[in-house]
């Protein structure tokens, strides 16, 4: 890989001139033809600036750590792609970090030196438990914004309003005449799922649906795998003397697997059971029937998170500190073919 000295030699200028022109923070006025020669040399040689070396020289870094878990789900993967794009658009360089690095009991590599990073954006759901030792230590030295629900009020977060999402799903089914509506959820007491339960409970009081406790289907934590969880939901529905006409699943993946279970058992959806999911995964539009869902506004979450981090970075460099903010973004209802109006005879 070419280095800055080779670029300077090819363009016929000094190393300092190349650094000035590429950084955009020019100390002197350079002729247009000189700037063009440097940029042409960069392109011809395939030179890429070493952002880490620049950070060490200038004492200012544009590197932002993006924290994910090894078992990142498709929805979070899409979110982090949006975060990456927003960071680059704002002049930052994303650096992928494994969430295991923040757990001293399982990490061999340890944390990156805080001086190499401008800040952290985390999609690690381990933050649900508050702040681990590694997070707590790094949070004292760097700005941190979570793009997932966080229990600790010490952390800025930007995430979907999950309570509103479930309420929107209930409102949709109620508007179609459904009165017997079920809700299926796993890990109901976790920080990411608790708002969904709250939204479900509030919607039961607000909309004309039957408050049958059997219609709250809690999938045990011991049931792993989306197909297994969907099978648990189907069995719960099948055993009911008066099964619901609509069901809301706390994730699209469970809802999509439930549609497969229904088809295999001869339960026609949505004729016999309308199904609503939560997340807005792109492949929900390719199921049969296409899945009605409440979609997370991933681009907006990424944009708000990066903008908040930008503010925190500026405050940090000036020695200031603001009160952490927890921002909830409104979701969007995507109506597709997995929900239909409830037939009057289904209500009896």
C-alpha atoms as a PDB file:
ATOM      1  CA  UNK A   1       0.000   0.000   0.000  1.00  0.00           C
ATOM      2  CA  UNK A   2       1.309   3.433  -0.942  1.00  0.00           C
ATOM      3  CA  UNK A   3       2.363   5.822   1.807  1.00  0.00           C
ATOM      4  CA  UNK A   4       2.167   9.610   2.091  1.00  0.00           C
ATOM      5  CA  UNK A   5       5.829  10.040   1.115  1.00  0.00           C
ATOM      6  CA  UNK A   6       5.232   8.283  -2.197  1.00  0.00           C
ATOM      7  CA  UNK A   7       2.234  10.535  -2.862  1.00  0.00           C
ATOM      8  CA  UNK A   8       4.342  13.614  -2.126  1.00  0.00           C
ATOM      9  CA  UNK A   9       7.148  12.388  -4.428  1.00  0.00           C
ATOM     10  CA  UNK A  10       4.717  11.613  -7.271  1.00  0.00           C
ATOM     11  CA  UNK A  11       2.969  14.997  -6.956  1.00  0.00           C
ATOM     12  CA  UNK A  12       6.244  16.894  -6.551  1.00  0.00           C
ATOM     13  CA  UNK A  13       5.303  18.471  -3.216  1.00  0.00           C
ATOM     14  CA  UNK A  14       6.221  18.065   0.454  1.00  0.00           C
ATOM     15  CA  UNK A  15       4.678  15.554   2.834  1.00  0.00           C
ATOM     16  CA  UNK A  16       3.213  18.456   4.825  1.00  0.00           C
ATOM     17  CA  UNK A  17       1.498  19.824   1.717  1.00  0.00           C
ATOM     18  CA  UNK A  18      -0.118  16.438   1.024  1.00  0.00           C
ATOM     19  CA  UNK A  19      -1.336  16.256   4.628  1.00  0.00           C
ATOM     20  CA  UNK A  20      -2.755  19.789   4.464  1.00  0.00           C
ATOM     21  CA  UNK A  21      -4.579  19.229   1.184  1.00  0.00           C
ATOM     22  CA  UNK A  22      -6.068  15.856   2.143  1.00  0.00           C
ATOM     23  CA  UNK A  23      -7.184  16.993   5.605  1.00  0.00           C
ATOM     24  CA  UNK A  24      -8.883  20.113   4.260  1.00  0.00           C
ATOM     25  CA  UNK A  25      -7.402  22.172   7.098  1.00  0.00           C
ATOM     26  CA  UNK A  26      -4.889  24.044   4.955  1.00  0.00           C
ATOM     27  CA  UNK A  27      -2.424  26.317   6.696  1.00  0.00           C
ATOM     28  CA  UNK A  28      -1.369  27.928   3.451  1.00  0.00           C
ATOM     29  CA  UNK A  29      -3.055  28.746   0.164  1.00  0.00           C
ATOM     30  CA  UNK A  30      -2.294  26.108  -2.468  1.00  0.00           C
ATOM     31  CA  UNK A  31      -2.638  26.612  -6.195  1.00  0.00           C
ATOM     32  CA  UNK A  32      -5.529  24.697  -7.840  1.00  0.00           C
ATOM     33  CA  UNK A  33      -3.076  22.808 -10.046  1.00  0.00           C
ATOM     34  CA  UNK A  34      -1.116  21.674  -6.964  1.00  0.00           C
ATOM     35  CA  UNK A  35      -4.279  20.363  -5.325  1.00  0.00           C
ATOM     36  CA  UNK A  36      -5.211  18.518  -8.542  1.00  0.00           C
ATOM     37  CA  UNK A  37      -1.714  16.944  -8.754  1.00  0.00           C
ATOM     38  CA  UNK A  38      -1.954  15.680  -5.167  1.00  0.00           C
ATOM     39  CA  UNK A  39      -5.426  14.228  -5.657  1.00  0.00           C
ATOM     40  CA  UNK A  40      -4.394  12.606  -8.945  1.00  0.00           C
ATOM     41  CA  UNK A  41      -1.391  11.012  -7.219  1.00  0.00           C
ATOM     42  CA  UNK A  42      -3.620   9.726  -4.407  1.00  0.00           C
ATOM     43  CA  UNK A  43      -5.993   8.145  -6.898  1.00  0.00           C
ATOM     44  CA  UNK A  44      -3.230   6.673  -9.067  1.00  0.00           C
ATOM     45  CA  UNK A  45      -1.337   5.151  -6.129  1.00  0.00           C
ATOM     46  CA  UNK A  46      -4.445   4.037  -4.241  1.00  0.00           C
ATOM     47  CA  UNK A  47      -3.306   5.873  -1.125  1.00  0.00           C
ATOM     48  CA  UNK A  48      -5.550   5.761   1.976  1.00  0.00           C
ATOM     49  CA  UNK A  49      -4.783   8.080   4.928  1.00  0.00           C
ATOM     50  CA  UNK A  50      -3.971   6.328   8.199  1.00  0.00           C
ATOM     51  CA  UNK A  51      -6.652   7.805  10.447  1.00  0.00           C
ATOM     52  CA  UNK A  52      -5.138   6.243  13.559  1.00  0.00           C
ATOM     53  CA  UNK A  53      -1.729   7.785  12.880  1.00  0.00           C
ATOM     54  CA  UNK A  54      -3.357  11.137  12.190  1.00  0.00           C
ATOM     55  CA  UNK A  55      -5.268  10.933  15.469  1.00  0.00           C
ATOM     56  CA  UNK A  56      -2.029  10.291  17.376  1.00  0.00           C
ATOM     57  CA  UNK A  57      -0.321  13.244  15.649  1.00  0.00           C
ATOM     58  CA  UNK A  58      -3.155  15.736  15.952  1.00  0.00           C
ATOM     59  CA  UNK A  59      -4.652  14.563  19.230  1.00  0.00           C
ATOM     60  CA  UNK A  60      -8.095  14.452  17.531  1.00  0.00           C
ATOM     61  CA  UNK A  61      -9.657  11.261  16.233  1.00  0.00           C
ATOM     62  CA  UNK A  62     -12.591  10.606  13.922  1.00  0.00           C
ATOM     63  CA  UNK A  63     -12.803   6.905  14.783  1.00  0.00           C
ATOM     64  CA  UNK A  64     -16.133   5.818  16.329  1.00  0.00           C
ATOM     65  CA  UNK A  65     -16.526   2.373  17.857  1.00  0.00           C
ATOM     66  CA  UNK A  66     -19.640   0.516  16.693  1.00  0.00           C
ATOM     67  CA  UNK A  67     -20.429  -2.233  19.216  1.00  0.00           C
ATOM     68  CA  UNK A  68     -22.403  -5.343  18.247  1.00  0.00           C
ATOM     69  CA  UNK A  69     -22.749  -8.879  19.598  1.00  0.00           C
ATOM     70  CA  UNK A  70     -21.498 -11.915  17.721  1.00  0.00           C
ATOM     71  CA  UNK A  71     -25.058 -13.241  17.306  1.00  0.00           C
ATOM     72  CA  UNK A  72     -26.366 -10.031  15.759  1.00  0.00           C
ATOM     73  CA  UNK A  73     -29.904 -10.524  14.318  1.00  0.00           C
ATOM     74  CA  UNK A  74     -30.807  -9.381  10.770  1.00  0.00           C
ATOM     75  CA  UNK A  75     -32.741  -6.354  12.043  1.00  0.00           C
ATOM     76  CA  UNK A  76     -29.791  -5.080  14.088  1.00  0.00           C
ATOM     77  CA  UNK A  77     -27.484  -5.739  11.149  1.00  0.00           C
ATOM     78  CA  UNK A  78     -29.636  -3.431   9.007  1.00  0.00           C
ATOM     79  CA  UNK A  79     -29.641  -0.814  11.773  1.00  0.00           C
ATOM     80  CA  UNK A  80     -25.860  -0.869  12.053  1.00  0.00           C
ATOM     81  CA  UNK A  81     -25.548  -0.451   8.281  1.00  0.00           C
ATOM     82  CA  UNK A  82     -27.644   2.722   8.643  1.00  0.00           C
ATOM     83  CA  UNK A  83     -25.417   3.845  11.553  1.00  0.00           C
ATOM     84  CA  UNK A  84     -22.299   3.221   9.455  1.00  0.00           C
ATOM     85  CA  UNK A  85     -23.659   5.314   6.581  1.00  0.00           C
ATOM     86  CA  UNK A  86     -24.600   8.180   8.902  1.00  0.00           C
ATOM     87  CA  UNK A  87     -21.189   8.168  10.578  1.00  0.00           C
ATOM     88  CA  UNK A  88     -19.375   8.345   7.244  1.00  0.00           C
ATOM     89  CA  UNK A  89     -21.684  11.143   6.074  1.00  0.00           C
ATOM     90  CA  UNK A  90     -20.730  13.109   9.216  1.00  0.00           C
ATOM     91  CA  UNK A  91     -17.001  12.611   8.656  1.00  0.00           C
ATOM     92  CA  UNK A  92     -16.429   9.776  11.140  1.00  0.00           C
ATOM     93  CA  UNK A  93     -14.743   6.429  10.529  1.00  0.00           C
ATOM     94  CA  UNK A  94     -16.687   3.477  12.025  1.00  0.00           C
ATOM     95  CA  UNK A  95     -14.682   0.744  13.724  1.00  0.00           C
ATOM     96  CA  UNK A  96     -16.440  -2.544  14.503  1.00  0.00           C
ATOM     97  CA  UNK A  97     -16.096  -3.751  18.100  1.00  0.00           C
ATOM     98  CA  UNK A  98     -17.261  -7.062  19.558  1.00  0.00           C
ATOM     99  CA  UNK A  99     -19.466  -6.672  22.634  1.00  0.00           C
ATOM    100  CA  UNK A 100     -17.408  -9.420  24.303  1.00  0.00           C
ATOM    101  CA  UNK A 101     -14.546  -6.926  24.583  1.00  0.00           C
ATOM    102  CA  UNK A 102     -16.556  -5.142  27.262  1.00  0.00           C
ATOM    103  CA  UNK A 103     -16.767  -8.247  29.427  1.00  0.00           C
ATOM    104  CA  UNK A 104     -13.436  -8.761  31.170  1.00  0.00           C
ATOM    105  CA  UNK A 105     -14.389 -12.351  32.063  1.00  0.00           C
ATOM    106  CA  UNK A 106     -14.618 -13.395  28.415  1.00  0.00           C
ATOM    107  CA  UNK A 107     -12.350 -10.978  26.610  1.00  0.00           C
ATOM    108  CA  UNK A 108      -8.788 -11.815  25.681  1.00  0.00           C
ATOM    109  CA  UNK A 109      -8.203  -8.639  23.685  1.00  0.00           C
ATOM    110  CA  UNK A 110      -9.571  -6.096  26.144  1.00  0.00           C
ATOM    111  CA  UNK A 111     -10.906  -2.666  25.312  1.00  0.00           C
ATOM    112  CA  UNK A 112      -9.397  -0.308  22.744  1.00  0.00           C
ATOM    113  CA  UNK A 113      -7.524   2.617  24.226  1.00  0.00           C
ATOM    114  CA  UNK A 114     -10.033   5.477  24.668  1.00  0.00           C
ATOM    115  CA  UNK A 115      -7.564   7.885  23.074  1.00  0.00           C
ATOM    116  CA  UNK A 116      -8.056   6.141  19.727  1.00  0.00           C
ATOM    117  CA  UNK A 117     -11.831   6.681  19.673  1.00  0.00           C
ATOM    118  CA  UNK A 118     -14.010   9.776  19.489  1.00  0.00           C
ATOM    119  CA  UNK A 119     -17.044   7.932  20.848  1.00  0.00           C
ATOM    120  CA  UNK A 120     -19.122   4.759  20.926  1.00  0.00           C
ATOM    121  CA  UNK A 121     -22.435   3.730  19.356  1.00  0.00           C
ATOM    122  CA  UNK A 122     -23.703   0.473  20.821  1.00  0.00           C
ATOM    123  CA  UNK A 123     -26.349  -2.027  19.758  1.00  0.00           C
ATOM    124  CA  UNK A 124     -25.318  -4.455  22.492  1.00  0.00           C
ATOM    125  CA  UNK A 125     -28.377  -5.631  24.411  1.00  0.00           C
ATOM    126  CA  UNK A 126     -26.135  -6.435  27.390  1.00  0.00           C
ATOM    127  CA  UNK A 127     -26.735  -2.780  28.221  1.00  0.00           C
ATOM    128  CA  UNK A 128     -30.215  -3.885  29.315  1.00  0.00           C
ATOM    129  CA  UNK A 129     -28.722  -4.863  32.665  1.00  0.00           C
ATOM    130  CA  UNK A 130     -27.336  -1.406  33.165  1.00  0.00           C
ATOM    131  CA  UNK A 131     -23.653  -0.849  32.568  1.00  0.00           C
ATOM    132  CA  UNK A 132     -21.135  -3.675  32.674  1.00  0.00           C
ATOM    133  CA  UNK A 133     -17.744  -2.999  34.219  1.00  0.00           C
ATOM    134  CA  UNK A 134     -16.185  -2.424  30.812  1.00  0.00           C
ATOM    135  CA  UNK A 135     -18.956  -0.109  29.624  1.00  0.00           C
ATOM    136  CA  UNK A 136     -18.959   1.837  32.885  1.00  0.00           C
ATOM    137  CA  UNK A 137     -15.208   2.391  32.672  1.00  0.00           C
ATOM    138  CA  UNK A 138     -15.284   3.486  29.056  1.00  0.00           C
ATOM    139  CA  UNK A 139     -18.388   5.657  29.568  1.00  0.00           C
ATOM    140  CA  UNK A 140     -16.353   7.829  31.957  1.00  0.00           C
ATOM    141  CA  UNK A 141     -13.810   8.488  29.215  1.00  0.00           C
ATOM    142  CA  UNK A 142     -15.863   8.601  26.012  1.00  0.00           C
ATOM    143  CA  UNK A 143     -19.278   9.740  24.742  1.00  0.00           C
ATOM    144  CA  UNK A 144     -21.596   6.742  24.313  1.00  0.00           C
ATOM    145  CA  UNK A 145     -24.999   6.459  22.591  1.00  0.00           C
ATOM    146  CA  UNK A 146     -27.045   3.256  22.588  1.00  0.00           C
ATOM    147  CA  UNK A 147     -29.386   2.353  19.732  1.00  0.00           C
ATOM    148  CA  UNK A 148     -31.209  -0.221  21.844  1.00  0.00           C
ATOM    149  CA  UNK A 149     -33.273   0.045  25.063  1.00  0.00           C
ATOM    150  CA  UNK A 150     -31.105   0.788  28.084  1.00  0.00           C
ATOM    151  CA  UNK A 151     -31.941   0.402  31.753  1.00  0.00           C
ATOM    152  CA  UNK A 152     -29.257   2.783  32.989  1.00  0.00           C
ATOM    153  CA  UNK A 153     -30.072   6.495  32.928  1.00  0.00           C
ATOM    154  CA  UNK A 154     -26.351   7.207  32.682  1.00  0.00           C
ATOM    155  CA  UNK A 155     -26.436   6.454  28.944  1.00  0.00           C
ATOM    156  CA  UNK A 156     -27.880   8.391  26.030  1.00  0.00           C
ATOM    157  CA  UNK A 157     -30.130   6.201  23.897  1.00  0.00           C
ATOM    158  CA  UNK A 158     -32.145   6.438  20.696  1.00  0.00           C
ATOM    159  CA  UNK A 159     -34.559   3.606  20.003  1.00  0.00           C
ATOM    160  CA  UNK A 160     -38.050   2.675  18.813  1.00  0.00           C
ATOM    161  CA  UNK A 161     -41.060   3.434  21.003  1.00  0.00           C
ATOM    162  CA  UNK A 162     -41.941  -0.217  21.569  1.00  0.00           C
ATOM    163  CA  UNK A 163     -45.012   0.488  23.724  1.00  0.00           C
ATOM    164  CA  UNK A 164     -46.467   2.639  20.962  1.00  0.00           C
ATOM    165  CA  UNK A 165     -45.668  -0.075  18.402  1.00  0.00           C
ATOM    166  CA  UNK A 166     -47.774  -2.724  20.149  1.00  0.00           C
ATOM    167  CA  UNK A 167     -50.580  -0.224  20.750  1.00  0.00           C
ATOM    168  CA  UNK A 168     -50.584   0.541  17.013  1.00  0.00           C
ATOM    169  CA  UNK A 169     -50.856  -3.177  16.217  1.00  0.00           C
ATOM    170  CA  UNK A 170     -53.818  -3.558  18.606  1.00  0.00           C
ATOM    171  CA  UNK A 171     -55.497  -0.471  17.172  1.00  0.00           C
ATOM    172  CA  UNK A 172     -55.111  -1.878  13.658  1.00  0.00           C
ATOM    173  CA  UNK A 173     -56.725  -5.217  14.534  1.00  0.00           C
ATOM    174  CA  UNK A 174     -59.483  -3.515  16.544  1.00  0.00           C
ATOM    175  CA  UNK A 175     -60.255  -1.245  13.580  1.00  0.00           C
ATOM    176  CA  UNK A 176     -60.777  -4.395  11.494  1.00  0.00           C
ATOM    177  CA  UNK A 177     -63.377  -5.639  13.961  1.00  0.00           C
ATOM    178  CA  UNK A 178     -61.185  -8.102  15.880  1.00  0.00           C
ATOM    179  CA  UNK A 179     -62.226  -8.430  19.515  1.00  0.00           C
ATOM    180  CA  UNK A 180     -60.301 -11.567  20.511  1.00  0.00           C
ATOM    181  CA  UNK A 181     -56.670 -10.556  20.090  1.00  0.00           C
ATOM    182  CA  UNK A 182     -53.634 -12.417  21.470  1.00  0.00           C
ATOM    183  CA  UNK A 183     -50.106 -11.183  22.099  1.00  0.00           C
ATOM    184  CA  UNK A 184     -47.055 -13.477  21.992  1.00  0.00           C
ATOM    185  CA  UNK A 185     -43.780 -12.404  23.584  1.00  0.00           C
ATOM    186  CA  UNK A 186     -40.559 -13.898  24.956  1.00  0.00           C
ATOM    187  CA  UNK A 187     -38.289 -12.465  27.685  1.00  0.00           C
ATOM    188  CA  UNK A 188     -41.171 -10.259  28.778  1.00  0.00           C
ATOM    189  CA  UNK A 189     -39.257  -8.733  31.702  1.00  0.00           C
ATOM    190  CA  UNK A 190     -36.173  -7.644  29.770  1.00  0.00           C
ATOM    191  CA  UNK A 191     -35.657  -3.952  29.071  1.00  0.00           C
ATOM    192  CA  UNK A 192     -36.291  -4.391  25.342  1.00  0.00           C
ATOM    193  CA  UNK A 193     -39.513  -6.371  25.852  1.00  0.00           C
ATOM    194  CA  UNK A 194     -41.020  -4.733  28.947  1.00  0.00           C
ATOM    195  CA  UNK A 195     -42.235  -1.672  26.970  1.00  0.00           C
ATOM    196  CA  UNK A 196     -44.087  -4.027  24.607  1.00  0.00           C
ATOM    197  CA  UNK A 197     -45.906  -5.613  27.549  1.00  0.00           C
ATOM    198  CA  UNK A 198     -46.744  -2.144  28.831  1.00  0.00           C
ATOM    199  CA  UNK A 199     -48.111  -1.136  25.423  1.00  0.00           C
ATOM    200  CA  UNK A 200     -50.161  -4.349  25.294  1.00  0.00           C
ATOM    201  CA  UNK A 201     -51.652  -3.769  28.737  1.00  0.00           C
ATOM    202  CA  UNK A 202     -52.516  -0.160  27.964  1.00  0.00           C
ATOM    203  CA  UNK A 203     -54.079  -1.110  24.629  1.00  0.00           C
ATOM    204  CA  UNK A 204     -56.238  -3.748  26.282  1.00  0.00           C
ATOM    205  CA  UNK A 205     -57.822  -0.993  28.358  1.00  0.00           C
ATOM    206  CA  UNK A 206     -58.113   1.479  25.500  1.00  0.00           C
ATOM    207  CA  UNK A 207     -59.499  -0.648  22.662  1.00  0.00           C
ATOM    208  CA  UNK A 208     -62.564  -2.952  22.644  1.00  0.00           C
ATOM    209  CA  UNK A 209     -60.737  -6.277  22.843  1.00  0.00           C
ATOM    210  CA  UNK A 210     -61.388  -9.148  25.255  1.00  0.00           C
ATOM    211  CA  UNK A 211     -59.109  -8.942  28.348  1.00  0.00           C
ATOM    212  CA  UNK A 212     -58.645 -12.721  28.506  1.00  0.00           C
ATOM    213  CA  UNK A 213     -55.397 -13.584  30.391  1.00  0.00           C
ATOM    214  CA  UNK A 214     -54.976 -16.619  28.111  1.00  0.00           C
ATOM    215  CA  UNK A 215     -54.512 -14.219  25.212  1.00  0.00           C
ATOM    216  CA  UNK A 216     -51.178 -13.073  26.661  1.00  0.00           C
ATOM    217  CA  UNK A 217     -48.864 -15.853  25.506  1.00  0.00           C
ATOM    218  CA  UNK A 218     -45.497 -15.680  27.278  1.00  0.00           C
ATOM    219  CA  UNK A 219     -42.905 -17.878  25.615  1.00  0.00           C
ATOM    220  CA  UNK A 220     -40.503 -19.352  28.222  1.00  0.00           C
ATOM    221  CA  UNK A 221     -36.888 -18.219  28.060  1.00  0.00           C
ATOM    222  CA  UNK A 222     -35.925 -21.891  27.784  1.00  0.00           C
ATOM    223  CA  UNK A 223     -37.539 -22.118  24.329  1.00  0.00           C
ATOM    224  CA  UNK A 224     -34.832 -21.258  21.808  1.00  0.00           C
ATOM    225  CA  UNK A 225     -35.090 -20.808  18.049  1.00  0.00           C
ATOM    226  CA  UNK A 226     -37.789 -18.930  16.155  1.00  0.00           C
ATOM    227  CA  UNK A 227     -39.509 -22.048  14.801  1.00  0.00           C
ATOM    228  CA  UNK A 228     -39.655 -23.533  18.305  1.00  0.00           C
ATOM    229  CA  UNK A 229     -41.089 -20.321  19.695  1.00  0.00           C
ATOM    230  CA  UNK A 230     -43.661 -20.140  16.916  1.00  0.00           C
ATOM    231  CA  UNK A 231     -44.602 -23.771  17.612  1.00  0.00           C
ATOM    232  CA  UNK A 232     -45.125 -22.874  21.283  1.00  0.00           C
ATOM    233  CA  UNK A 233     -47.448 -20.024  20.261  1.00  0.00           C
ATOM    234  CA  UNK A 234     -49.388 -22.238  17.860  1.00  0.00           C
ATOM    235  CA  UNK A 235     -49.891 -24.915  20.509  1.00  0.00           C
ATOM    236  CA  UNK A 236     -51.176 -22.278  22.923  1.00  0.00           C
ATOM    237  CA  UNK A 237     -53.629 -21.041  20.304  1.00  0.00           C
ATOM    238  CA  UNK A 238     -54.718 -24.535  19.342  1.00  0.00           C
ATOM    239  CA  UNK A 239     -55.558 -25.488  22.942  1.00  0.00           C
ATOM    240  CA  UNK A 240     -57.824 -22.478  23.498  1.00  0.00           C
ATOM    241  CA  UNK A 241     -61.550 -23.229  23.647  1.00  0.00           C
ATOM    242  CA  UNK A 242     -62.250 -19.829  22.095  1.00  0.00           C
ATOM    243  CA  UNK A 243     -59.135 -18.979  20.048  1.00  0.00           C
ATOM    244  CA  UNK A 244     -58.423 -15.387  19.029  1.00  0.00           C
ATOM    245  CA  UNK A 245     -59.089 -14.058  15.544  1.00  0.00           C
ATOM    246  CA  UNK A 246     -55.898 -12.014  15.551  1.00  0.00           C
ATOM    247  CA  UNK A 247     -52.449 -12.358  17.085  1.00  0.00           C
ATOM    248  CA  UNK A 248     -49.599  -9.904  17.550  1.00  0.00           C
ATOM    249  CA  UNK A 249     -46.066 -11.317  17.755  1.00  0.00           C
ATOM    250  CA  UNK A 250     -43.318  -9.371  19.516  1.00  0.00           C
ATOM    251  CA  UNK A 251     -40.977  -9.935  16.554  1.00  0.00           C
ATOM    252  CA  UNK A 252     -41.351 -10.437  12.814  1.00  0.00           C
ATOM    253  CA  UNK A 253     -39.301 -13.622  12.924  1.00  0.00           C
ATOM    254  CA  UNK A 254     -41.763 -15.285  15.307  1.00  0.00           C
ATOM    255  CA  UNK A 255     -44.690 -14.003  13.235  1.00  0.00           C
ATOM    256  CA  UNK A 256     -43.218 -15.345   9.988  1.00  0.00           C
ATOM    257  CA  UNK A 257     -42.511 -18.742  11.543  1.00  0.00           C
ATOM    258  CA  UNK A 258     -46.047 -18.769  12.941  1.00  0.00           C
ATOM    259  CA  UNK A 259     -47.435 -18.227   9.438  1.00  0.00           C
ATOM    260  CA  UNK A 260     -45.511 -21.335   8.369  1.00  0.00           C
ATOM    261  CA  UNK A 261     -46.912 -23.281  11.338  1.00  0.00           C
ATOM    262  CA  UNK A 262     -50.453 -22.196  10.484  1.00  0.00           C
ATOM    263  CA  UNK A 263     -50.061 -23.235   6.853  1.00  0.00           C
ATOM    264  CA  UNK A 264     -48.673 -26.639   7.819  1.00  0.00           C
ATOM    265  CA  UNK A 265     -51.620 -27.244  10.173  1.00  0.00           C
ATOM    266  CA  UNK A 266     -54.235 -26.172   7.646  1.00  0.00           C
ATOM    267  CA  UNK A 267     -55.101 -22.942   9.428  1.00  0.00           C
ATOM    268  CA  UNK A 268     -55.607 -20.442   6.644  1.00  0.00           C
ATOM    269  CA  UNK A 269     -54.121 -17.041   7.414  1.00  0.00           C
ATOM    270  CA  UNK A 270     -55.539 -14.480   7.496  1.00  0.00           C
ATOM    271  CA  UNK A 271     -58.981 -16.075   6.967  1.00  0.00           C
ATOM    272  CA  UNK A 272     -58.777 -17.953  10.260  1.00  0.00           C
ATOM    273  CA  UNK A 273     -56.168 -15.867  12.053  1.00  0.00           C
ATOM    274  CA  UNK A 274     -54.799 -12.400  11.262  1.00  0.00           C
ATOM    275  CA  UNK A 275     -51.114 -12.022  12.154  1.00  0.00           C
ATOM    276  CA  UNK A 276     -49.118  -8.860  12.973  1.00  0.00           C
ATOM    277  CA  UNK A 277     -45.369  -8.660  13.647  1.00  0.00           C
ATOM    278  CA  UNK A 278     -42.921  -6.100  14.982  1.00  0.00           C
ATOM    279  CA  UNK A 279     -39.603  -4.958  13.462  1.00  0.00           C
ATOM    280  CA  UNK A 280     -40.185  -4.413   9.746  1.00  0.00           C
ATOM    281  CA  UNK A 281     -37.645  -6.929   8.381  1.00  0.00           C
ATOM    282  CA  UNK A 282     -37.389  -6.599   4.610  1.00  0.00           C
ATOM    283  CA  UNK A 283     -38.167 -10.273   3.986  1.00  0.00           C
ATOM    284  CA  UNK A 284     -41.559  -9.925   5.689  1.00  0.00           C
ATOM    285  CA  UNK A 285     -42.852  -8.628   2.371  1.00  0.00           C
ATOM    286  CA  UNK A 286     -41.916 -11.905   0.666  1.00  0.00           C
ATOM    287  CA  UNK A 287     -43.798 -14.328   2.940  1.00  0.00           C
ATOM    288  CA  UNK A 288     -47.213 -15.708   2.068  1.00  0.00           C
ATOM    289  CA  UNK A 289     -49.257 -13.881   2.959  1.00  0.00           C
ATOM    290  CA  UNK A 290     -47.017 -10.805   3.168  1.00  0.00           C
ATOM    291  CA  UNK A 291     -46.705  -9.823   6.820  1.00  0.00           C
ATOM    292  CA  UNK A 292     -48.437  -6.829   8.354  1.00  0.00           C
ATOM    293  CA  UNK A 293     -45.950  -5.345  10.812  1.00  0.00           C
ATOM    294  CA  UNK A 294     -45.009  -2.327  12.882  1.00  0.00           C
ATOM    295  CA  UNK A 295     -41.650  -1.270  11.480  1.00  0.00           C
ATOM    296  CA  UNK A 296     -38.759   0.235  13.388  1.00  0.00           C
ATOM    297  CA  UNK A 297     -37.589   3.550  11.815  1.00  0.00           C
ATOM    298  CA  UNK A 298     -33.967   2.429  11.453  1.00  0.00           C
ATOM    299  CA  UNK A 299     -32.681   5.310   9.322  1.00  0.00           C
ATOM    300  CA  UNK A 300     -34.175   7.871  11.682  1.00  0.00           C
ATOM    301  CA  UNK A 301     -32.746   6.061  14.714  1.00  0.00           C
ATOM    302  CA  UNK A 302     -29.298   5.997  13.113  1.00  0.00           C
ATOM    303  CA  UNK A 303     -29.496   9.658  12.117  1.00  0.00           C
ATOM    304  CA  UNK A 304     -30.640  10.797  15.577  1.00  0.00           C
ATOM    305  CA  UNK A 305     -28.021   8.630  17.329  1.00  0.00           C
ATOM    306  CA  UNK A 306     -25.131   9.931  15.231  1.00  0.00           C
ATOM    307  CA  UNK A 307     -26.271  13.533  15.648  1.00  0.00           C
ATOM    308  CA  UNK A 308     -26.511  13.042  19.419  1.00  0.00           C
ATOM    309  CA  UNK A 309     -23.053  11.473  19.483  1.00  0.00           C
ATOM    310  CA  UNK A 310     -21.714  14.407  17.485  1.00  0.00           C
ATOM    311  CA  UNK A 311     -23.038  16.806  20.134  1.00  0.00           C
ATOM    312  CA  UNK A 312     -21.565  14.694  22.939  1.00  0.00           C
ATOM    313  CA  UNK A 313     -18.169  14.554  21.213  1.00  0.00           C
ATOM    314  CA  UNK A 314     -18.156  18.344  20.907  1.00  0.00           C
ATOM    315  CA  UNK A 315     -19.077  18.764  24.572  1.00  0.00           C
ATOM    316  CA  UNK A 316     -16.485  16.226  25.646  1.00  0.00           C
ATOM    317  CA  UNK A 317     -13.680  17.992  23.792  1.00  0.00           C
ATOM    318  CA  UNK A 318     -14.664  21.272  25.464  1.00  0.00           C
ATOM    319  CA  UNK A 319     -14.762  19.680  28.900  1.00  0.00           C
ATOM    320  CA  UNK A 320     -18.554  19.940  29.159  1.00  0.00           C
ATOM    321  CA  UNK A 321     -21.145  17.354  30.129  1.00  0.00           C
ATOM    322  CA  UNK A 322     -24.903  17.265  29.583  1.00  0.00           C
ATOM    323  CA  UNK A 323     -27.657  15.192  31.151  1.00  0.00           C
ATOM    324  CA  UNK A 324     -28.115  11.911  29.205  1.00  0.00           C
ATOM    325  CA  UNK A 325     -31.197  11.820  26.967  1.00  0.00           C
ATOM    326  CA  UNK A 326     -33.386   8.795  26.196  1.00  0.00           C
ATOM    327  CA  UNK A 327     -35.070   9.415  22.828  1.00  0.00           C
ATOM    328  CA  UNK A 328     -38.007   7.313  21.578  1.00  0.00           C
ATOM    329  CA  UNK A 329     -38.782   7.319  17.855  1.00  0.00           C
ATOM    330  CA  UNK A 330     -42.309   6.596  16.588  1.00  0.00           C
ATOM    331  CA  UNK A 331     -42.652   3.363  14.529  1.00  0.00           C
ATOM    332  CA  UNK A 332     -44.616   2.907  11.297  1.00  0.00           C
ATOM    333  CA  UNK A 333     -47.503   0.502  10.648  1.00  0.00           C
ATOM    334  CA  UNK A 334     -47.059  -1.419   7.367  1.00  0.00           C
ATOM    335  CA  UNK A 335     -50.380  -2.974   6.383  1.00  0.00           C
ATOM    336  CA  UNK A 336     -50.065  -6.040   4.157  1.00  0.00           C
ATOM    337  CA  UNK A 337     -52.111  -9.164   3.467  1.00  0.00           C
ATOM    338  CA  UNK A 338     -51.685 -11.082   6.738  1.00  0.00           C
ATOM    339  CA  UNK A 339     -54.514  -9.079   8.352  1.00  0.00           C
ATOM    340  CA  UNK A 340     -58.109  -8.756   7.136  1.00  0.00           C
ATOM    341  CA  UNK A 341     -61.429  -7.579   8.506  1.00  0.00           C
ATOM    342  CA  UNK A 342     -62.893  -9.995  11.037  1.00  0.00           C
ATOM    343  CA  UNK A 343     -65.985 -11.826   9.811  1.00  0.00           C
ATOM    344  CA  UNK A 344     -69.072 -11.375  12.039  1.00  0.00           C
ATOM    345  CA  UNK A 345     -69.463 -15.139  12.478  1.00  0.00           C
ATOM    346  CA  UNK A 346     -65.941 -15.327  13.903  1.00  0.00           C
ATOM    347  CA  UNK A 347     -67.021 -13.217  16.854  1.00  0.00           C
ATOM    348  CA  UNK A 348     -69.496 -15.771  18.141  1.00  0.00           C
END
